[in-house]
Each structure stands twice: as structure tokens, then as C-alpha cells.
Amino acid sequence: MLNIYVPQNTIEAYLMQGALEAAGIFCEIHGEYLQGAAGLLPVNNNIMLRVREEDAEAARELIAQYERGELSAE
């Protein structure tokens, strides 16, 4: 599995996971429960989306579309 995207928050993590999985790309969210340790861990975003190596290129393209505002809910 490859780290592919660092979402801003848990909501964006699940949004992106749903978009990737709708495109047939298996995606795991890592680190979402580390936010419960706020104040004990360094201040940074600990959430990461991970995909299989063979899906990395397609995932990067979908994420790029999202970042350009081109991703549609249809």
C-alpha cells in the first residue's frame, strides 16, 4: 500500500475514500483515531489515505481532479 493523499480532516478523508472506491480503487484511511490524542502528539495532520501500488496512478489522477474542482458527485 502507498500513502497517496493527506486530507485536511476526517470528513475529507471519507469523501476522498468514497470517490476513490466509486472509481473501483480500494482505499484505506490511516491515522484517523490519532486525532483523539490531540495534545499528546506533535501538531500535524495524522490522517493518510493509502491505495494499492497498482492503483496509485489512477488514484493520483482522481485526486488531481478533486483538487482542480473537477470532481462531480454524479
C-alpha atoms as a PDB file:
ATOM      1  CA  MET A   1       0.000   0.000   0.000  1.00  0.00           C
ATOM      2  CA  LEU A   2       1.179   3.515  -0.812  1.00  0.00           C
ATOM      3  CA  ASN A   3       0.437   6.736   1.005  1.00  0.00           C
ATOM      4  CA  ILE A   4      -1.388   8.754  -1.626  1.00  0.00           C
ATOM      5  CA  TYR A   5      -3.090  11.743  -0.003  1.00  0.00           C
ATOM      6  CA  VAL A   6      -3.147  13.759   3.208  1.00  0.00           C
ATOM      7  CA  PRO A   7      -6.685  15.081   3.735  1.00  0.00           C
ATOM      8  CA  GLN A   8      -7.357  18.204   5.770  1.00  0.00           C
ATOM      9  CA  ASN A   9      -9.671  16.376   8.175  1.00  0.00           C
ATOM     10  CA  THR A  10     -11.669  13.196   8.733  1.00  0.00           C
ATOM     11  CA  ILE A  11     -14.588  14.423   6.625  1.00  0.00           C
ATOM     12  CA  GLU A  12     -12.351  14.991   3.602  1.00  0.00           C
ATOM     13  CA  ALA A  13     -10.724  11.591   4.210  1.00  0.00           C
ATOM     14  CA  TYR A  14     -14.071   9.822   3.956  1.00  0.00           C
ATOM     15  CA  LEU A  15     -15.132  11.962   0.988  1.00  0.00           C
ATOM     16  CA  MET A  16     -11.985  11.007  -0.912  1.00  0.00           C
ATOM     17  CA  GLN A  17     -12.218   7.364   0.141  1.00  0.00           C
ATOM     18  CA  GLY A  18     -15.747   7.261  -1.253  1.00  0.00           C
ATOM     19  CA  ALA A  19     -14.698   8.893  -4.521  1.00  0.00           C
ATOM     20  CA  LEU A  20     -11.774   6.502  -4.938  1.00  0.00           C
ATOM     21  CA  GLU A  21     -13.854   3.437  -4.135  1.00  0.00           C
ATOM     22  CA  ALA A  22     -16.616   4.617  -6.510  1.00  0.00           C
ATOM     23  CA  ALA A  23     -13.921   4.577  -9.201  1.00  0.00           C
ATOM     24  CA  GLY A  24     -13.012   0.998  -8.263  1.00  0.00           C
ATOM     25  CA  ILE A  25      -9.886   1.911  -6.271  1.00  0.00           C
ATOM     26  CA  PHE A  26      -9.565   0.244  -2.869  1.00  0.00           C
ATOM     27  CA  CYS A  27      -8.557   2.847  -0.271  1.00  0.00           C
ATOM     28  CA  GLU A  28      -7.693   2.709   3.430  1.00  0.00           C
ATOM     29  CA  ILE A  29      -7.740   5.579   5.905  1.00  0.00           C
ATOM     30  CA  HIS A  30      -4.862   5.502   8.385  1.00  0.00           C
ATOM     31  CA  GLY A  31      -4.407   7.608  11.483  1.00  0.00           C
ATOM     32  CA  GLU A  32      -7.940   8.877  11.938  1.00  0.00           C
ATOM     33  CA  TYR A  33      -8.059   7.732  15.562  1.00  0.00           C
ATOM     34  CA  LEU A  34      -4.793   9.517  16.381  1.00  0.00           C
ATOM     35  CA  GLN A  35      -6.754  12.760  16.480  1.00  0.00           C
ATOM     36  CA  GLY A  36      -8.088  11.572  19.834  1.00  0.00           C
ATOM     37  CA  ALA A  37      -4.565  12.017  21.183  1.00  0.00           C
ATOM     38  CA  ALA A  38      -4.551  15.751  20.435  1.00  0.00           C
ATOM     39  CA  GLY A  39      -2.194  17.452  22.844  1.00  0.00           C
ATOM     40  CA  LEU A  40      -0.115  14.315  23.249  1.00  0.00           C
ATOM     41  CA  LEU A  41       1.200  14.084  19.689  1.00  0.00           C
ATOM     42  CA  PRO A  42       3.004  16.694  17.587  1.00  0.00           C
ATOM     43  CA  VAL A  43       0.725  19.241  15.957  1.00  0.00           C
ATOM     44  CA  ASN A  44       0.163  17.977  12.426  1.00  0.00           C
ATOM     45  CA  ASN A  45      -2.360  16.041  10.426  1.00  0.00           C
ATOM     46  CA  ASN A  46      -2.013  12.329  11.139  1.00  0.00           C
ATOM     47  CA  ILE A  47      -4.625  11.140   8.613  1.00  0.00           C
ATOM     48  CA  MET A  48      -3.389   9.466   5.432  1.00  0.00           C
ATOM     49  CA  LEU A  49      -5.149   7.732   2.544  1.00  0.00           C
ATOM     50  CA  ARG A  50      -3.461   4.617   1.211  1.00  0.00           C
ATOM     51  CA  VAL A  51      -4.061   2.687  -2.018  1.00  0.00           C
ATOM     52  CA  ARG A  52      -2.562  -0.377  -3.686  1.00  0.00           C
ATOM     53  CA  GLU A  53       0.530   0.246  -5.782  1.00  0.00           C
ATOM     54  CA  GLU A  54      -1.233  -0.821  -8.968  1.00  0.00           C
ATOM     55  CA  ASP A  55      -3.975   1.778  -8.325  1.00  0.00           C
ATOM     56  CA  ALA A  56      -1.645   4.671  -7.466  1.00  0.00           C
ATOM     57  CA  GLU A  57      -1.641   6.378 -10.865  1.00  0.00           C
ATOM     58  CA  ALA A  58      -5.427   6.265 -11.244  1.00  0.00           C
ATOM     59  CA  ALA A  59      -5.818   7.484  -7.643  1.00  0.00           C
ATOM     60  CA  ARG A  60      -3.440  10.409  -8.251  1.00  0.00           C
ATOM     61  CA  GLU A  61      -5.435  11.448 -11.329  1.00  0.00           C
ATOM     62  CA  LEU A  62      -8.727  11.327  -9.417  1.00  0.00           C
ATOM     63  CA  ILE A  63      -7.210  13.328  -6.550  1.00  0.00           C
ATOM     64  CA  ALA A  64      -5.859  15.887  -9.049  1.00  0.00           C
ATOM     65  CA  GLN A  65      -9.379  16.258 -10.481  1.00  0.00           C
ATOM     66  CA  TYR A  66     -10.703  16.812  -6.956  1.00  0.00           C
ATOM     67  CA  GLU A  67      -8.066  19.452  -6.239  1.00  0.00           C
ATOM     68  CA  ARG A  68      -8.894  21.270  -9.502  1.00  0.00           C
ATOM     69  CA  GLY A  69     -12.597  21.242  -8.572  1.00  0.00           C
ATOM     70  CA  GLU A  70     -13.463  18.935 -11.471  1.00  0.00           C
ATOM     71  CA  LEU A  71     -14.785  16.013  -9.439  1.00  0.00           C
ATOM     72  CA  SER A  72     -18.530  15.649  -9.823  1.00  0.00           C
ATOM     73  CA  ALA A  73     -20.953  13.888  -7.479  1.00  0.00           C
ATOM     74  CA  GLU A  74     -22.821  12.451 -10.459  1.00  0.00           C
END
